Protein backbone atom coordinates (compact mmCIF):
# COMPACT_ATOMS: atom_id res chain seq x y z
CA UNK A 1 38.38 138.48 127.88
CA UNK A 2 37.04 137.09 124.57
CA UNK A 3 37.49 133.54 125.86
CA UNK A 4 35.74 134.42 129.13
CA UNK A 5 32.71 135.89 127.34
CA UNK A 6 32.61 132.90 125.02
CA UNK A 7 32.60 130.46 127.93
CA UNK A 8 30.07 132.63 129.79
CA UNK A 9 27.73 132.58 126.78
CA UNK A 10 28.20 128.86 126.11
CA UNK A 11 27.41 127.90 129.70
CA UNK A 12 24.17 129.88 129.61
CA UNK A 13 23.08 128.35 126.31
CA UNK A 14 23.75 124.79 127.45
CA UNK A 15 22.22 125.09 130.94
CA UNK A 16 19.01 126.80 129.82
CA UNK A 17 18.67 124.44 126.86
CA UNK A 18 18.67 121.53 129.33
CA UNK A 19 16.37 123.35 131.76
CA UNK A 20 13.81 123.61 128.97
CA UNK A 21 13.65 119.79 128.90
CA UNK A 22 12.90 119.39 132.63
CA UNK A 23 9.16 118.94 133.07
CA UNK A 24 8.97 120.50 136.54
CA UNK A 25 10.70 123.64 135.18
CA UNK A 26 8.57 124.11 132.06
CA UNK A 27 5.39 123.53 134.07
CA UNK A 28 6.13 126.76 135.95
CA UNK A 29 8.13 128.70 133.35
CA UNK A 30 7.41 128.92 129.66
CA UNK A 31 10.23 128.90 127.11
CA UNK A 32 9.73 132.65 126.67
CA UNK A 33 10.34 133.30 130.38
CA UNK A 34 13.36 131.01 130.40
CA UNK A 35 14.86 133.03 127.54
CA UNK A 36 14.19 136.29 129.40
CA UNK A 37 15.75 134.95 132.63
CA UNK A 38 18.78 133.60 130.76
CA UNK A 39 19.28 136.95 129.00
CA UNK A 40 19.08 138.92 132.26
CA UNK A 41 21.54 136.60 134.01
CA UNK A 42 23.88 136.62 131.02
CA UNK A 43 23.83 140.45 130.92
CA UNK A 44 24.95 140.83 134.57
CA UNK A 45 28.65 140.38 133.81
CA UNK A 46 28.98 142.50 130.62
CA UNK A 47 26.91 145.23 132.29
CA UNK A 48 29.27 145.26 135.27
CA UNK A 49 32.20 145.68 132.86
CA UNK A 50 30.36 148.49 131.06
CA UNK A 51 29.56 150.39 134.28
CA UNK A 52 33.11 149.87 135.53
CA UNK A 53 34.57 151.33 132.33
CA UNK A 54 32.38 154.41 132.87
CA UNK A 55 33.59 154.84 136.46
CA UNK A 56 30.17 153.91 137.92
CA UNK A 57 31.56 151.67 140.67
CA UNK A 58 28.40 151.85 142.81
CA UNK A 59 26.58 150.06 140.00
CA UNK A 60 29.47 147.89 138.81
CA UNK A 61 30.47 146.39 142.18
CA UNK A 62 27.18 144.67 143.16
CA UNK A 63 26.60 143.51 139.58
CA UNK A 64 30.08 142.04 139.36
CA UNK A 65 29.73 140.27 142.73
CA UNK A 66 26.40 138.80 141.63
CA UNK A 67 27.82 137.87 138.23
CA UNK A 68 30.86 136.13 139.69
CA UNK A 69 28.80 134.09 142.17
CA UNK A 70 26.33 133.26 139.42
CA UNK A 71 29.27 132.08 137.30
CA UNK A 72 30.30 129.64 140.04
CA UNK A 73 26.70 128.44 140.40
CA UNK A 74 26.29 128.15 136.63
CA UNK A 75 29.46 126.07 136.36
CA UNK A 76 28.30 123.61 139.02
CA UNK A 77 24.83 123.27 137.46
CA UNK A 78 26.47 122.80 134.04
CA UNK A 79 28.71 120.06 135.42
CA UNK A 80 25.85 118.16 137.06
CA UNK A 81 23.66 118.40 133.94
CA UNK A 82 26.57 117.30 131.76
CA UNK A 83 27.11 114.21 133.94
CA UNK A 84 23.43 113.31 133.45
CA UNK A 85 23.74 113.84 129.69
CA UNK A 86 26.81 111.62 129.54
CA UNK A 87 25.03 108.86 131.51
CA UNK A 88 21.92 109.08 129.31
CA UNK A 89 23.86 109.79 126.10
CA UNK A 90 21.98 113.09 125.81
CA UNK A 91 18.62 111.39 126.24
CA UNK A 92 19.10 108.50 123.80
CA UNK A 93 19.43 106.09 126.74
CA UNK A 94 16.87 106.09 129.58
CA UNK A 95 14.78 108.37 127.38
CA UNK A 96 11.77 108.50 129.71
CA UNK A 97 13.81 109.06 132.84
CA UNK A 98 16.23 111.59 131.36
CA UNK A 99 14.09 114.68 132.20
CA UNK A 100 13.74 113.50 135.82
CA UNK A 101 17.48 112.82 136.04
CA UNK A 102 18.19 116.32 134.69
CA UNK A 103 15.94 117.69 137.44
CA UNK A 104 18.06 115.80 139.97
CA UNK A 105 21.18 117.20 138.29
CA UNK A 106 19.80 120.73 138.57
CA UNK A 107 19.06 120.23 142.27
CA UNK A 108 22.52 118.74 142.85
CA UNK A 109 24.16 121.74 141.17
CA UNK A 110 22.20 124.18 143.35
CA UNK A 111 23.10 122.26 146.53
CA UNK A 112 26.80 122.17 145.56
CA UNK A 113 26.68 125.93 144.86
CA UNK A 114 25.25 126.61 148.34
CA UNK A 115 27.96 124.46 149.93
CA UNK A 116 30.62 126.26 147.86
CA UNK A 117 29.27 129.65 148.91
CA UNK A 118 29.36 128.60 152.58
CA UNK A 119 32.92 127.31 152.28
CA UNK A 120 34.02 130.42 150.38
CA UNK A 121 32.59 132.84 152.95
CA UNK A 122 33.91 131.15 156.09
CA UNK A 123 37.33 132.08 157.55
CA UNK A 124 40.37 130.22 156.19
CA UNK A 125 41.59 127.20 158.12
CA UNK A 126 45.05 126.80 159.68
CA UNK A 127 47.02 124.08 157.88
CA UNK A 128 50.08 122.75 159.74
CA UNK A 129 53.26 121.31 158.26
CA UNK A 130 56.57 120.26 159.78
CA UNK A 131 59.64 120.55 157.57
CA UNK A 132 63.22 119.45 158.19
CA UNK A 133 65.18 122.27 156.61
CA UNK A 134 68.60 121.34 155.26
CA UNK A 135 71.34 123.45 156.82
CA UNK A 136 69.23 124.81 159.68
CA UNK A 137 71.49 125.01 162.74
CA UNK A 138 70.47 122.78 165.65
CA UNK A 139 70.30 125.83 167.91
CA UNK A 140 67.62 127.37 165.66
CA UNK A 141 65.36 124.29 165.72
CA UNK A 142 61.63 124.95 165.93
CA UNK A 143 60.87 128.40 164.43
CA UNK A 144 57.32 128.75 163.09
CA UNK A 145 56.38 130.39 159.80
CA UNK A 146 52.93 131.78 158.98
CA UNK A 147 52.22 131.85 155.24
CA UNK A 148 49.39 133.74 153.56
CA UNK A 149 48.80 133.89 149.84
CA UNK A 150 46.29 135.13 147.28
CA UNK A 151 44.39 137.48 149.58
CA UNK A 152 42.93 139.31 146.55
CA UNK A 153 41.99 142.33 148.65
CA UNK A 154 39.94 144.67 146.51
CA UNK A 155 36.33 145.16 145.53
CA UNK A 156 34.95 142.02 147.23
CA UNK A 157 37.46 141.31 150.02
CA UNK A 158 37.70 144.60 151.87
CA UNK A 159 39.58 146.16 154.78
CA UNK A 160 37.35 144.44 157.34
CA UNK A 161 38.11 141.05 155.81
CA UNK A 162 41.84 141.84 155.69
CA UNK A 163 41.82 142.93 159.34
CA UNK A 164 40.33 139.58 160.37
CA UNK A 165 43.02 137.68 158.43
CA UNK A 166 45.79 139.79 160.02
CA UNK A 167 44.36 138.94 163.45
CA UNK A 168 44.37 135.24 162.53
CA UNK A 169 48.06 135.44 161.67
CA UNK A 170 48.94 137.42 164.81
CA UNK A 171 47.20 134.80 166.96
CA UNK A 172 49.72 132.22 165.71
CA UNK A 173 52.66 134.26 167.17
CA UNK A 174 54.93 133.26 164.24
CA UNK A 175 58.68 133.79 164.12
CA UNK A 176 58.47 134.60 160.41
CA UNK A 177 55.59 135.81 158.23
CA UNK A 178 55.58 135.14 154.48
CA UNK A 179 53.20 136.51 151.83
CA UNK A 180 53.19 134.74 148.48
CA UNK A 181 51.69 137.36 146.18
CA UNK A 182 48.31 138.39 144.81
CA UNK A 183 47.76 140.32 148.01
CA UNK A 184 45.68 142.85 146.08
CA UNK A 185 43.54 142.56 142.99
CA UNK A 186 45.88 145.17 141.48
CA UNK A 187 43.23 146.90 139.40
CA UNK A 188 43.24 150.30 141.13
CA UNK A 189 44.85 152.27 143.93
CA UNK A 190 41.47 152.68 145.66
CA UNK A 191 41.63 149.08 146.84
CA UNK A 192 44.70 149.93 148.95
CA UNK A 193 43.28 152.07 151.74
CA UNK A 194 45.61 153.93 154.09
CA UNK A 195 44.14 152.04 157.05
CA UNK A 196 45.57 148.83 155.59
CA UNK A 197 49.10 150.11 156.15
CA UNK A 198 48.45 150.05 159.89
CA UNK A 199 46.98 146.56 159.62
CA UNK A 200 50.13 145.21 157.97
CA UNK A 201 52.26 147.14 160.46
CA UNK A 202 50.47 145.19 163.18
CA UNK A 203 52.20 142.06 161.93
CA UNK A 204 55.45 141.55 163.77
CA UNK A 205 57.75 138.55 163.75
CA UNK A 206 61.19 137.83 165.16
CA UNK A 207 62.63 137.25 161.67
CA UNK A 208 60.46 139.80 159.87
CA UNK A 209 57.59 139.92 157.39
CA UNK A 210 58.55 138.99 153.81
CA UNK A 211 56.67 138.98 150.52
CA UNK A 212 56.88 138.43 146.79
CA UNK A 213 54.61 139.87 144.12
CA UNK A 214 52.02 137.86 142.18
CA UNK A 215 50.47 138.13 138.75
CA UNK A 216 47.66 140.37 140.02
CA UNK A 217 50.17 142.94 141.22
CA UNK A 218 51.23 143.24 137.58
CA UNK A 219 47.70 144.27 136.52
CA UNK A 220 48.33 147.85 137.62
CA UNK A 221 51.35 149.69 138.98
CA UNK A 222 53.45 146.98 140.62
CA UNK A 223 55.96 149.53 141.93
CA UNK A 224 53.26 151.45 143.80
CA UNK A 225 52.04 148.24 145.44
CA UNK A 226 55.59 147.39 146.50
CA UNK A 227 56.04 150.89 147.97
CA UNK A 228 52.72 150.49 149.79
CA UNK A 229 53.87 147.20 151.35
CA UNK A 230 57.32 148.49 152.25
CA UNK A 231 55.75 151.55 153.94
CA UNK A 232 53.80 149.02 155.99
CA UNK A 233 57.02 147.31 157.09
CA UNK A 234 56.88 144.37 154.67
CA UNK A 235 60.18 143.34 153.05
CA UNK A 236 59.43 142.61 149.38
CA UNK A 237 61.90 140.22 147.77
CA UNK A 238 62.23 141.28 144.16
CA UNK A 239 64.57 138.78 142.50
CA UNK A 240 67.02 138.64 145.38
CA UNK A 241 68.11 136.85 148.55
CA UNK A 242 68.34 138.17 152.10
CA UNK A 243 69.90 136.62 155.19
CA UNK A 244 67.30 136.79 157.98
CA UNK A 245 69.87 135.53 160.51
CA UNK A 246 73.34 134.01 160.21
CA UNK A 247 73.13 130.77 158.25
CA UNK A 248 69.46 131.22 157.26
CA UNK A 249 68.46 133.01 154.03
CA UNK A 250 65.21 133.66 152.22
CA UNK A 251 64.89 134.55 148.54
CA UNK A 252 62.07 135.44 146.19
CA UNK A 253 61.16 136.41 142.65
CA UNK A 254 58.72 138.84 141.10
CA UNK A 255 55.93 137.24 139.14
CA UNK A 256 56.22 138.35 135.53
CA UNK A 257 52.46 138.34 134.96
CA UNK A 258 50.89 137.56 131.62
CA UNK A 259 53.06 140.10 129.77
CA UNK A 260 56.35 138.28 130.39
CA UNK A 261 57.28 135.35 128.17
CA UNK A 262 57.95 131.98 129.79
CA UNK A 263 61.54 132.07 128.49
CA UNK A 264 62.24 135.47 130.08
CA UNK A 265 60.62 134.36 133.34
CA UNK A 266 62.67 131.16 133.45
CA UNK A 267 65.93 133.02 132.77
CA UNK A 268 65.17 135.48 135.57
CA UNK A 269 64.42 132.71 138.06
CA UNK A 270 67.64 130.91 137.11
CA UNK A 271 69.64 134.08 137.78
CA UNK A 272 68.09 134.40 141.24
CA UNK A 273 68.76 130.73 142.03
CA UNK A 274 72.36 131.08 140.85
CA UNK A 275 72.85 133.79 143.49
CA UNK A 276 71.68 131.52 146.33
CA UNK A 277 73.91 131.99 149.38
CA UNK A 278 76.18 128.94 149.69
CA UNK A 279 76.20 126.82 152.84
CA UNK A 280 73.03 128.24 154.36
CA UNK A 281 69.53 127.01 155.10
CA UNK A 282 67.38 128.53 152.35
CA UNK A 283 63.70 129.16 151.63
CA UNK A 284 62.71 130.21 148.12
CA UNK A 285 59.46 132.07 147.42
CA UNK A 286 57.70 132.07 144.05
CA UNK A 287 54.09 133.07 143.55
CA UNK A 288 53.58 130.36 140.93
CA UNK A 289 54.72 126.75 141.34
CA UNK A 290 57.22 126.96 138.50
CA UNK A 291 60.91 126.17 137.99
CA UNK A 292 60.58 123.58 140.77
CA UNK A 293 63.24 121.19 139.48
CA UNK A 294 65.66 124.08 138.91
CA UNK A 295 65.19 125.19 142.52
CA UNK A 296 65.85 121.66 143.77
CA UNK A 297 69.00 121.41 141.61
CA UNK A 298 70.21 124.73 143.04
CA UNK A 299 70.09 123.25 146.56
CA UNK A 300 67.06 125.17 147.88
CA UNK A 301 65.97 123.77 151.25
CA UNK A 302 62.26 124.65 151.00
CA UNK A 303 60.14 126.22 148.25
CA UNK A 304 56.84 127.98 148.96
CA UNK A 305 54.26 128.87 146.29
CA UNK A 306 50.64 129.94 145.87
CA UNK A 307 48.61 131.05 142.82
CA UNK A 308 46.60 127.87 142.16
CA UNK A 309 43.88 128.30 144.83
CA UNK A 310 43.85 124.50 144.88
CA UNK A 311 41.44 124.80 141.96
CA UNK A 312 39.06 126.72 144.27
CA UNK A 313 35.85 125.10 142.99
CA UNK A 314 35.71 121.34 142.41
CA UNK A 315 35.67 119.88 139.76
CA UNK A 316 37.45 122.85 138.16
CA UNK A 317 40.44 121.64 140.20
CA UNK A 318 40.97 118.86 137.63
CA UNK A 319 41.31 121.46 134.87
CA UNK A 320 43.61 123.59 137.03
CA UNK A 321 45.78 120.53 137.71
CA UNK A 322 46.50 120.24 133.97
CA UNK A 323 48.10 123.70 134.08
CA UNK A 324 49.57 123.38 137.58
CA UNK A 325 50.95 119.86 138.20
CA UNK A 326 51.67 120.97 141.78
CA UNK A 327 48.16 122.06 142.73
CA UNK A 328 48.04 122.23 146.53
CA UNK A 329 49.69 120.69 149.55
CA UNK A 330 53.12 119.23 150.18
CA UNK A 331 55.37 117.69 147.54
CA UNK A 332 58.91 116.31 147.49
CA UNK A 333 60.94 117.20 144.40
CA UNK A 334 64.40 115.59 144.22
CA UNK A 335 64.68 115.82 148.01
CA UNK A 336 63.41 119.42 148.22
CA UNK A 337 60.11 119.96 150.06
CA UNK A 338 57.62 122.17 148.20
CA UNK A 339 54.45 123.54 149.80
CA UNK A 340 51.79 125.04 147.53
CA UNK A 341 49.17 127.08 149.39
CA UNK A 342 45.50 126.88 148.41
CA UNK A 343 45.36 130.62 149.06
CA UNK A 344 43.77 132.61 151.85
CA UNK A 345 41.14 134.51 149.86
CA UNK A 346 39.12 133.86 146.73
CA UNK A 347 39.22 135.15 143.18
CA UNK A 348 36.05 135.71 141.18
CA UNK A 349 33.21 133.87 142.94
CA UNK A 350 33.20 134.06 146.74
CA UNK A 351 33.01 130.29 146.55
CA UNK A 352 35.19 127.30 147.34
CA UNK A 353 34.26 123.65 147.05
CA UNK A 354 36.31 121.00 148.88
CA UNK A 355 39.28 123.38 148.76
CA UNK A 356 38.95 125.73 151.75
CA UNK A 357 41.04 128.86 152.05
CA UNK A 358 44.03 128.43 154.33
CA UNK A 359 46.76 130.06 156.36
CA UNK A 360 49.76 127.76 156.35
CA UNK A 361 51.81 127.27 159.53
CA UNK A 362 55.19 125.60 159.07
CA UNK A 363 57.42 124.42 161.91
CA UNK A 364 61.06 124.19 160.81
CA UNK A 365 63.20 121.41 162.22
CA UNK A 366 66.94 120.90 162.00
CA UNK A 367 67.98 117.74 160.13
């Protein structure tokens, strides 16, 4: 949280410092008004945290939504202004044109923010893959899997939004439904309304509905979220394998969240991989794209992951790629196909830029 507030403050200082050098801005707004506007915008996020800590959700929710979308907008304006400053060496080159170029940068950032907001609010796309699954019997050729990930149902993405996503999945008539974690924000039980149980129960598939937990489920009471999903008919794979039909198994691991050390997490994943059913077609589910090479060495036929959101807002995707070498899409690791979902919902800003939300549809083929 300290890092977030530091970044939040730094972005405001930089952006409004550069705005004060744009002639068209200062012609209409004095420095005093710019400082007032910057202070009000900066205060939106800490105020939302303050109201939330006092249980004043009616005040906290709209402030947090505004603050998150302003954060996305601020980041894009910051990026565009920084590009101008790099080109002009902070005004030492093209000195006379630098203020005009910063004005263009400001406009570009606003346009990108509007595009990101549009892409973040529209329904997720259907992304198709075809995978030849090692060990899949010829007689079982062609089953279709629907994969959703990172729904982040909670304060911003509500029951109405979830219902629409469930209907999208049902329209695909999948043979197997997979959920890759971060289904809920995980901050409170109020985000899991009873009506949502019936929504999840509406999902039916020949080989069942399966899920693993994500890091957001570890924010609150993970066990209560698991019970909620299992009451809705979802089979939650918690560090185990299950045979969905003879010769075809699916396994999954809990996400340890930020409280679990990387060593403990790796040991737990290795134990699950060591228990992989021999001689069967296997799909391994992990919320994060981690322990990929270990899964390939264990003979996993297909690995499915989420968590990354594909970076969600370009160019933040380049930063996210430093932490997540497998960012989004299909990869081949030592012969094992890996598919990393960009996620179905959004986290933080209701914005996406060049990385639309998706529901993944996979058609399995026999080798």
